PDB file of all heavy atoms in Angstrom:
ATOM      1  N   ALA A   1     -88.798   1.380  51.744  1.00  0.00           N
ATOM      2  CA  ALA A   1     -88.304   2.688  52.237  1.00  0.00           C
ATOM      3  C   ALA A   1     -87.116   2.567  53.207  1.00  0.00           C
ATOM      4  O   ALA A   1     -87.031   1.552  53.880  1.00  0.00           O
ATOM      5  CB  ALA A   1     -89.429   3.412  52.893  1.00  0.00           C
ATOM      6  N   ASN A   2     -86.276   3.580  53.169  1.00  0.00           N
ATOM      7  CA  ASN A   2     -85.096   3.659  54.025  1.00  0.00           C
ATOM      8  C   ASN A   2     -85.013   5.091  54.507  1.00  0.00           C
ATOM      9  O   ASN A   2     -85.401   6.063  53.808  1.00  0.00           O
ATOM     10  CB  ASN A   2     -83.782   3.224  53.421  1.00  0.00           C
ATOM     11  CG  ASN A   2     -83.738   1.799  53.211  1.00  0.00           C
ATOM     12  OD1 ASN A   2     -83.445   1.026  54.165  1.00  0.00           O
ATOM     13  ND2 ASN A   2     -83.929   1.258  52.006  1.00  0.00           N
ATOM     14  N   TYR A   3     -84.475   5.385  55.766  1.00  0.00           N
ATOM     15  CA  TYR A   3     -84.477   6.629  56.343  1.00  0.00           C
ATOM     16  C   TYR A   3     -83.147   6.816  57.056  1.00  0.00           C
ATOM     17  O   TYR A   3     -82.526   5.909  57.576  1.00  0.00           O
ATOM     18  CB  TYR A   3     -85.568   6.787  57.401  1.00  0.00           C
ATOM     19  CG  TYR A   3     -86.971   6.557  56.854  1.00  0.00           C
ATOM     20  CD1 TYR A   3     -87.525   5.301  56.935  1.00  0.00           C
ATOM     21  CD2 TYR A   3     -87.697   7.565  56.416  1.00  0.00           C
ATOM     22  CE1 TYR A   3     -88.833   5.070  56.457  1.00  0.00           C
ATOM     23  CE2 TYR A   3     -88.987   7.385  55.863  1.00  0.00           C
ATOM     24  CZ  TYR A   3     -89.539   6.021  55.917  1.00  0.00           C
ATOM     25  OH  TYR A   3     -90.765   5.886  55.464  1.00  0.00           O
ATOM     26  N   VAL A   4     -82.730   8.134  57.106  1.00  0.00           N
ATOM     27  CA  VAL A   4     -81.567   8.430  57.938  1.00  0.00           C
ATOM     28  C   VAL A   4     -81.964   8.313  59.389  1.00  0.00           C
ATOM     29  O   VAL A   4     -83.223   8.457  59.763  1.00  0.00           O
ATOM     30  CB  VAL A   4     -81.103   9.939  57.649  1.00  0.00           C
ATOM     31  CG1 VAL A   4     -82.195  10.969  58.087  1.00  0.00           C
ATOM     32  CG2 VAL A   4     -79.806  10.212  58.231  1.00  0.00           C
ATOM     33  N   ASP A   5     -81.044   7.933  60.286  1.00  0.00           N
ATOM     34  CA  ASP A   5     -81.403   7.566  61.644  1.00  0.00           C
ATOM     35  C   ASP A   5     -82.120   8.679  62.338  1.00  0.00           C
ATOM     36  O   ASP A   5     -82.978   8.489  63.181  1.00  0.00           O
ATOM     37  CB  ASP A   5     -80.114   7.309  62.397  1.00  0.00           C
ATOM     38  CG  ASP A   5     -79.578   5.896  62.065  1.00  0.00           C
ATOM     39  OD1 ASP A   5     -80.355   5.129  61.405  1.00  0.00           O
ATOM     40  OD2 ASP A   5     -78.419   5.574  62.418  1.00  0.00           O
ATOM     41  N   SER A   6     -81.820   9.986  62.099  1.00  0.00           N
ATOM     42  CA  SER A   6     -82.314  11.105  62.790  1.00  0.00           C
ATOM     43  C   SER A   6     -83.809  11.295  62.609  1.00  0.00           C
ATOM     44  O   SER A   6     -84.497  11.996  63.347  1.00  0.00           O
ATOM     45  CB  SER A   6     -81.589  12.364  62.486  1.00  0.00           C
ATOM     46  OG  SER A   6     -81.683  12.650  61.072  1.00  0.00           O
ATOM     47  N   VAL A   7     -84.428  10.703  61.573  1.00  0.00           N
ATOM     48  CA  VAL A   7     -85.865  10.854  61.321  1.00  0.00           C
ATOM     49  C   VAL A   7     -86.625   9.586  61.447  1.00  0.00           C
ATOM     50  O   VAL A   7     -87.900   9.669  61.263  1.00  0.00           O
ATOM     51  CB  VAL A   7     -86.051  11.454  59.865  1.00  0.00           C
ATOM     52  CG1 VAL A   7     -85.264  12.753  59.663  1.00  0.00           C
ATOM     53  CG2 VAL A   7     -85.818  10.505  58.773  1.00  0.00           C
ATOM     54  N   LYS A   8     -86.025   8.486  61.743  1.00  0.00           N
ATOM     55  CA  LYS A   8     -86.731   7.212  61.875  1.00  0.00           C
ATOM     56  C   LYS A   8     -87.756   7.283  62.908  1.00  0.00           C
ATOM     57  O   LYS A   8     -87.529   7.763  64.042  1.00  0.00           O
ATOM     58  CB  LYS A   8     -85.740   6.088  62.184  1.00  0.00           C
ATOM     59  CG  LYS A   8     -84.896   5.653  61.045  1.00  0.00           C
ATOM     60  CD  LYS A   8     -83.992   4.505  61.366  1.00  0.00           C
ATOM     61  CE  LYS A   8     -83.146   4.060  60.136  1.00  0.00           C
ATOM     62  NZ  LYS A   8     -82.177   2.951  60.501  1.00  0.00           N
ATOM     63  N   GLY A   9     -88.985   6.812  62.623  1.00  0.00           N
ATOM     64  CA  GLY A   9     -90.083   6.817  63.571  1.00  0.00           C
ATOM     65  C   GLY A   9     -90.895   8.149  63.474  1.00  0.00           C
ATOM     66  O   GLY A   9     -91.928   8.258  64.134  1.00  0.00           O
ATOM     67  N   ARG A  10     -90.316   9.128  62.761  1.00  0.00           N
ATOM     68  CA  ARG A  10     -91.010  10.442  62.686  1.00  0.00           C
ATOM     69  C   ARG A  10     -91.500  10.803  61.258  1.00  0.00           C
ATOM     70  O   ARG A  10     -92.484  11.409  61.090  1.00  0.00           O
ATOM     71  CB  ARG A  10     -90.077  11.597  63.216  1.00  0.00           C
ATOM     72  CG  ARG A  10     -89.749  11.442  64.646  1.00  0.00           C
ATOM     73  CD  ARG A  10     -89.009  12.673  65.196  1.00  0.00           C
ATOM     74  NE  ARG A  10     -87.750  12.917  64.424  1.00  0.00           N
ATOM     75  CZ  ARG A  10     -87.528  14.027  63.732  1.00  0.00           C
ATOM     76  NH1 ARG A  10     -88.456  15.012  63.697  1.00  0.00           N
ATOM     77  NH2 ARG A  10     -86.344  14.221  63.163  1.00  0.00           N
ATOM     78  N   PHE A  11     -90.643  10.417  60.262  1.00  0.00           N
ATOM     79  CA  PHE A  11     -90.986  10.703  58.867  1.00  0.00           C
ATOM     80  C   PHE A  11     -91.403   9.375  58.132  1.00  0.00           C
ATOM     81  O   PHE A  11     -90.935   8.266  58.421  1.00  0.00           O
ATOM     82  CB  PHE A  11     -89.699  11.265  58.123  1.00  0.00           C
ATOM     83  CG  PHE A  11     -89.321  12.634  58.630  1.00  0.00           C
ATOM     84  CD1 PHE A  11     -89.887  13.273  59.693  1.00  0.00           C
ATOM     85  CD2 PHE A  11     -88.330  13.288  57.831  1.00  0.00           C
ATOM     86  CE1 PHE A  11     -89.490  14.534  60.065  1.00  0.00           C
ATOM     87  CE2 PHE A  11     -87.944  14.590  58.253  1.00  0.00           C
ATOM     88  CZ  PHE A  11     -88.495  15.215  59.339  1.00  0.00           C
ATOM     89  N   THR A  12     -92.248   9.649  57.161  1.00  0.00           N
ATOM     90  CA  THR A  12     -92.691   8.491  56.341  1.00  0.00           C
ATOM     91  C   THR A  12     -92.671   8.948  54.888  1.00  0.00           C
ATOM     92  O   THR A  12     -93.337   9.891  54.512  1.00  0.00           O
ATOM     93  CB  THR A  12     -94.071   7.972  56.672  1.00  0.00           C
ATOM     94  OG1 THR A  12     -94.112   7.595  58.112  1.00  0.00           O
ATOM     95  CG2 THR A  12     -94.406   6.843  55.868  1.00  0.00           C
ATOM     96  N   ILE A  13     -91.953   8.176  54.039  1.00  0.00           N
ATOM     97  CA  ILE A  13     -91.933   8.486  52.591  1.00  0.00           C
ATOM     98  C   ILE A  13     -92.969   7.466  51.947  1.00  0.00           C
ATOM     99  O   ILE A  13     -92.963   6.297  52.311  1.00  0.00           O
ATOM    100  CB  ILE A  13     -90.524   8.315  51.972  1.00  0.00           C
ATOM    101  CG1 ILE A  13     -90.536   8.787  50.546  1.00  0.00           C
ATOM    102  CG2 ILE A  13     -90.039   6.887  52.131  1.00  0.00           C
ATOM    103  CD1 ILE A  13     -89.176   8.857  49.947  1.00  0.00           C
ATOM    104  N   SER A  14     -93.685   7.969  50.954  1.00  0.00           N
ATOM    105  CA  SER A  14     -94.689   7.071  50.248  1.00  0.00           C
ATOM    106  C   SER A  14     -94.791   7.558  48.840  1.00  0.00           C
ATOM    107  O   SER A  14     -94.263   8.649  48.491  1.00  0.00           O
ATOM    108  CB  SER A  14     -96.083   7.121  51.002  1.00  0.00           C
ATOM    109  OG  SER A  14     -96.561   8.448  50.997  1.00  0.00           O
ATOM    110  N   ARG A  15     -95.460   6.811  48.039  1.00  0.00           N
ATOM    111  CA  ARG A  15     -95.612   7.145  46.609  1.00  0.00           C
ATOM    112  C   ARG A  15     -96.959   6.683  46.103  1.00  0.00           C
ATOM    113  O   ARG A  15     -97.658   5.788  46.572  1.00  0.00           O
ATOM    114  CB  ARG A  15     -94.534   6.484  45.766  1.00  0.00           C
ATOM    115  CG  ARG A  15     -94.471   4.959  45.854  1.00  0.00           C
ATOM    116  CD  ARG A  15     -93.268   4.405  45.221  1.00  0.00           C
ATOM    117  NE  ARG A  15     -93.131   4.665  43.828  1.00  0.00           N
ATOM    118  CZ  ARG A  15     -92.012   4.930  43.201  1.00  0.00           C
ATOM    119  NH1 ARG A  15     -90.845   4.927  43.814  1.00  0.00           N
ATOM    120  NH2 ARG A  15     -92.036   5.192  41.802  1.00  0.00           N
ATOM    121  N   ASP A  16     -97.432   7.521  45.152  1.00  0.00           N
ATOM    122  CA  ASP A  16     -98.701   7.192  44.421  1.00  0.00           C
ATOM    123  C   ASP A  16     -98.307   7.211  42.959  1.00  0.00           C
ATOM    124  O   ASP A  16     -98.211   8.247  42.353  1.00  0.00           O
ATOM    125  CB  ASP A  16     -99.795   8.279  44.745  1.00  0.00           C
ATOM    126  CG  ASP A  16    -101.119   7.932  44.104  1.00  0.00           C
ATOM    127  OD1 ASP A  16    -101.183   7.199  43.120  1.00  0.00           O
ATOM    128  OD2 ASP A  16    -102.104   8.487  44.590  1.00  0.00           O
ATOM    129  N   ASN A  17     -98.156   5.979  42.448  1.00  0.00           N
ATOM    130  CA  ASN A  17     -97.650   5.844  41.061  1.00  0.00           C
ATOM    131  C   ASN A  17     -98.656   6.376  40.052  1.00  0.00           C
ATOM    132  O   ASN A  17     -98.306   6.871  38.968  1.00  0.00           O
ATOM    133  CB  ASN A  17     -97.194   4.460  40.785  1.00  0.00           C
ATOM    134  CG  ASN A  17     -96.045   4.004  41.544  1.00  0.00           C
ATOM    135  OD1 ASN A  17     -95.176   4.838  41.920  1.00  0.00           O
ATOM    136  ND2 ASN A  17     -95.873   2.715  41.785  1.00  0.00           N
ATOM    137  N   ALA A  18     -99.974   6.194  40.347  1.00  0.00           N
ATOM    138  CA  ALA A  18    -101.009   6.698  39.450  1.00  0.00           C
ATOM    139  C   ALA A  18    -100.915   8.198  39.305  1.00  0.00           C
ATOM    140  O   ALA A  18    -101.382   8.737  38.290  1.00  0.00           O
ATOM    141  CB  ALA A  18    -102.391   6.263  39.946  1.00  0.00           C
ATOM    142  N   LYS A  19    -100.497   8.973  40.319  1.00  0.00           N
ATOM    143  CA  LYS A  19    -100.325  10.376  40.288  1.00  0.00           C
ATOM    144  C   LYS A  19     -98.925  10.814  40.034  1.00  0.00           C
ATOM    145  O   LYS A  19     -98.658  12.118  39.997  1.00  0.00           O
ATOM    146  CB  LYS A  19    -100.849  10.961  41.568  1.00  0.00           C
ATOM    147  CG  LYS A  19    -102.354  10.716  41.817  1.00  0.00           C
ATOM    148  CD  LYS A  19    -102.767  11.438  43.128  1.00  0.00           C
ATOM    149  CE  LYS A  19    -104.284  11.146  43.428  1.00  0.00           C
ATOM    150  NZ  LYS A  19    -104.759  11.806  44.672  1.00  0.00           N
ATOM    151  N   ASN A  20     -98.017   9.935  39.781  1.00  0.00           N
ATOM    152  CA  ASN A  20     -96.610  10.251  39.673  1.00  0.00           C
ATOM    153  C   ASN A  20     -96.078  11.215  40.729  1.00  0.00           C
ATOM    154  O   ASN A  20     -95.464  12.238  40.480  1.00  0.00           O
ATOM    155  CB  ASN A  20     -96.373  10.893  38.234  1.00  0.00           C
ATOM    156  CG  ASN A  20     -96.342   9.824  37.219  1.00  0.00           C
ATOM    157  OD1 ASN A  20     -96.188   8.684  37.430  1.00  0.00           O
ATOM    158  ND2 ASN A  20     -96.537  10.291  35.864  1.00  0.00           N
ATOM    159  N   THR A  21     -96.488  10.859  41.954  1.00  0.00           N
ATOM    160  CA  THR A  21     -96.194  11.656  43.123  1.00  0.00           C
ATOM    161  C   THR A  21     -95.516  10.911  44.176  1.00  0.00           C
ATOM    162  O   THR A  21     -95.928   9.774  44.595  1.00  0.00           O
ATOM    163  CB  THR A  21     -97.464  12.341  43.672  1.00  0.00           C
ATOM    164  OG1 THR A  21     -98.060  13.155  42.590  1.00  0.00           O
ATOM    165  CG2 THR A  21     -97.184  13.151  44.863  1.00  0.00           C
ATOM    166  N   VAL A  22     -94.567  11.488  44.909  1.00  0.00           N
ATOM    167  CA  VAL A  22     -93.986  11.045  46.095  1.00  0.00           C
ATOM    168  C   VAL A  22     -94.227  11.998  47.215  1.00  0.00           C
ATOM    169  O   VAL A  22     -94.245  13.240  47.050  1.00  0.00           O
ATOM    170  CB  VAL A  22     -92.451  10.808  45.915  1.00  0.00           C
ATOM    171  CG1 VAL A  22     -91.693  12.082  45.660  1.00  0.00           C
ATOM    172  CG2 VAL A  22     -91.875   9.986  47.140  1.00  0.00           C
ATOM    173  N   TYR A  23     -94.451  11.505  48.444  1.00  0.00           N
ATOM    174  CA  TYR A  23     -94.742  12.324  49.647  1.00  0.00           C
ATOM    175  C   TYR A  23     -93.705  12.084  50.753  1.00  0.00           C
ATOM    176  O   TYR A  23     -93.051  11.050  50.762  1.00  0.00           O
ATOM    177  CB  TYR A  23     -96.092  11.960  50.205  1.00  0.00           C
ATOM    178  CG  TYR A  23     -97.205  12.055  49.189  1.00  0.00           C
ATOM    179  CD1 TYR A  23     -97.710  10.940  48.491  1.00  0.00           C
ATOM    180  CD2 TYR A  23     -97.935  13.279  48.960  1.00  0.00           C
ATOM    181  CE1 TYR A  23     -98.734  10.995  47.583  1.00  0.00           C
ATOM    182  CE2 TYR A  23     -98.928  13.350  48.089  1.00  0.00           C
ATOM    183  CZ  TYR A  23     -99.340  12.222  47.429  1.00  0.00           C
ATOM    184  OH  TYR A  23    -100.406  12.328  46.469  1.00  0.00           O
ATOM    185  N   LEU A  24     -93.600  13.078  51.604  1.00  0.00           N
ATOM    186  CA  LEU A  24     -92.810  12.958  52.759  1.00  0.00           C
ATOM    187  C   LEU A  24     -93.720  13.509  53.961  1.00  0.00           C
ATOM    188  O   LEU A  24     -93.882  14.701  54.119  1.00  0.00           O
ATOM    189  CB  LEU A  24     -91.525  13.696  52.731  1.00  0.00           C
ATOM    190  CG  LEU A  24     -90.639  13.444  53.958  1.00  0.00           C
ATOM    191  CD1 LEU A  24     -90.086  12.038  54.054  1.00  0.00           C
ATOM    192  CD2 LEU A  24     -89.409  14.431  53.900  1.00  0.00           C
ATOM    193  N   GLN A  25     -94.266  12.549  54.702  1.00  0.00           N
ATOM    194  CA  GLN A  25     -95.010  12.945  55.901  1.00  0.00           C
ATOM    195  C   GLN A  25     -94.005  13.161  57.080  1.00  0.00           C
ATOM    196  O   GLN A  25     -93.344  12.203  57.435  1.00  0.00           O
ATOM    197  CB  GLN A  25     -96.045  11.893  56.295  1.00  0.00           C
ATOM    198  CG  GLN A  25     -96.835  12.163  57.538  1.00  0.00           C
ATOM    199  CD  GLN A  25     -97.791  13.392  57.347  1.00  0.00           C
ATOM    200  OE1 GLN A  25     -98.509  13.441  56.286  1.00  0.00           O
ATOM    201  NE2 GLN A  25     -97.816  14.264  58.293  1.00  0.00           N
ATOM    202  N   MET A  26     -94.000  14.355  57.682  1.00  0.00           N
ATOM    203  CA  MET A  26     -93.071  14.668  58.731  1.00  0.00           C
ATOM    204  C   MET A  26     -93.908  14.986  60.014  1.00  0.00           C
ATOM    205  O   MET A  26     -94.608  15.934  60.041  1.00  0.00           O
ATOM    206  CB  MET A  26     -92.244  15.839  58.323  1.00  0.00           C
ATOM    207  CG  MET A  26     -91.486  15.703  57.055  1.00  0.00           C
ATOM    208  SD  MET A  26     -90.340  17.083  56.656  1.00  0.00           S
ATOM    209  CE  MET A  26     -91.569  18.372  56.310  1.00  0.00           C
ATOM    210  N   ASN A  27     -93.660  14.121  61.007  1.00  0.00           N
ATOM    211  CA  ASN A  27     -94.372  14.338  62.295  1.00  0.00           C
ATOM    212  C   ASN A  27     -93.365  14.613  63.403  1.00  0.00           C
ATOM    213  O   ASN A  27     -92.156  14.405  63.233  1.00  0.00           O
ATOM    214  CB  ASN A  27     -95.170  13.071  62.658  1.00  0.00           C
ATOM    215  CG  ASN A  27     -96.306  12.724  61.648  1.00  0.00           C
ATOM    216  OD1 ASN A  27     -96.863  13.624  61.114  1.00  0.00           O
ATOM    217  ND2 ASN A  27     -96.443  11.410  61.493  1.00  0.00           N
ATOM    218  N   SER A  28     -93.813  15.119  64.480  1.00  0.00           N
ATOM    219  CA  SER A  28     -92.905  15.399  65.622  1.00  0.00           C
ATOM    220  C   SER A  28     -91.731  16.201  65.193  1.00  0.00           C
ATOM    221  O   SER A  28     -90.546  15.963  65.607  1.00  0.00           O
ATOM    222  CB  SER A  28     -92.492  14.083  66.400  1.00  0.00           C
ATOM    223  OG  SER A  28     -93.649  13.392  66.778  1.00  0.00           O
ATOM    224  N   LEU A  29     -92.004  17.230  64.517  1.00  0.00           N
ATOM    225  CA  LEU A  29     -90.866  17.994  63.899  1.00  0.00           C
ATOM    226  C   LEU A  29     -90.016  18.738  65.008  1.00  0.00           C
ATOM    227  O   LEU A  29     -90.594  19.192  66.050  1.00  0.00           O
ATOM    228  CB  LEU A  29     -91.393  19.019  62.951  1.00  0.00           C
ATOM    229  CG  LEU A  29     -91.732  18.431  61.615  1.00  0.00           C
ATOM    230  CD1 LEU A  29     -92.672  19.366  60.763  1.00  0.00           C
ATOM    231  CD2 LEU A  29     -90.540  18.184  60.708  1.00  0.00           C
ATOM    232  N   LYS A  30     -88.722  18.805  64.757  1.00  0.00           N
ATOM    233  CA  LYS A  30     -87.790  19.460  65.675  1.00  0.00           C
ATOM    234  C   LYS A  30     -87.088  20.593  65.002  1.00  0.00           C
ATOM    235  O   LYS A  30     -87.004  20.602  63.755  1.00  0.00           O
ATOM    236  CB  LYS A  30     -86.789  18.424  66.165  1.00  0.00           C
ATOM    237  CG  LYS A  30     -87.267  17.131  66.760  1.00  0.00           C
ATOM    238  CD  LYS A  30     -86.188  16.171  67.023  1.00  0.00           C
ATOM    239  CE  LYS A  30     -86.708  14.892  67.666  1.00  0.00           C
ATOM    240  NZ  LYS A  30     -85.642  13.903  67.914  1.00  0.00           N
ATOM    241  N   PRO A  31     -86.612  21.586  65.711  1.00  0.00           N
ATOM    242  CA  PRO A  31     -85.871  22.681  65.110  1.00  0.00           C
ATOM    243  C   PRO A  31     -84.723  22.254  64.186  1.00  0.00           C
ATOM    244  O   PRO A  31     -84.472  22.853  63.165  1.00  0.00           O
ATOM    245  CB  PRO A  31     -85.344  23.505  66.298  1.00  0.00           C
ATOM    246  CG  PRO A  31     -86.320  23.226  67.338  1.00  0.00           C
ATOM    247  CD  PRO A  31     -86.820  21.777  67.173  1.00  0.00           C
ATOM    248  N   GLU A  32     -84.085  21.101  64.547  1.00  0.00           N
ATOM    249  CA  GLU A  32     -82.947  20.680  63.713  1.00  0.00           C
ATOM    250  C   GLU A  32     -83.427  20.130  62.375  1.00  0.00           C
ATOM    251  O   GLU A  32     -82.649  19.808  61.510  1.00  0.00           O
ATOM    252  CB  GLU A  32     -82.195  19.664  64.479  1.00  0.00           C
ATOM    253  CG  GLU A  32     -82.951  18.496  65.131  1.00  0.00           C
ATOM    254  CD  GLU A  32     -83.168  18.810  66.574  1.00  0.00           C
ATOM    255  OE1 GLU A  32     -83.633  19.887  66.967  1.00  0.00           O
ATOM    256  OE2 GLU A  32     -83.079  17.833  67.401  1.00  0.00           O
TER     257      GLU A  32
END
């Protein structure tokens, strides 16, 4: 995985190939 600097440490991308699904977990969300 790779991230834009502004979300590093807060967002996590993951995948479940068996479900053909990708996720984006977003924590510590900011108005921006």
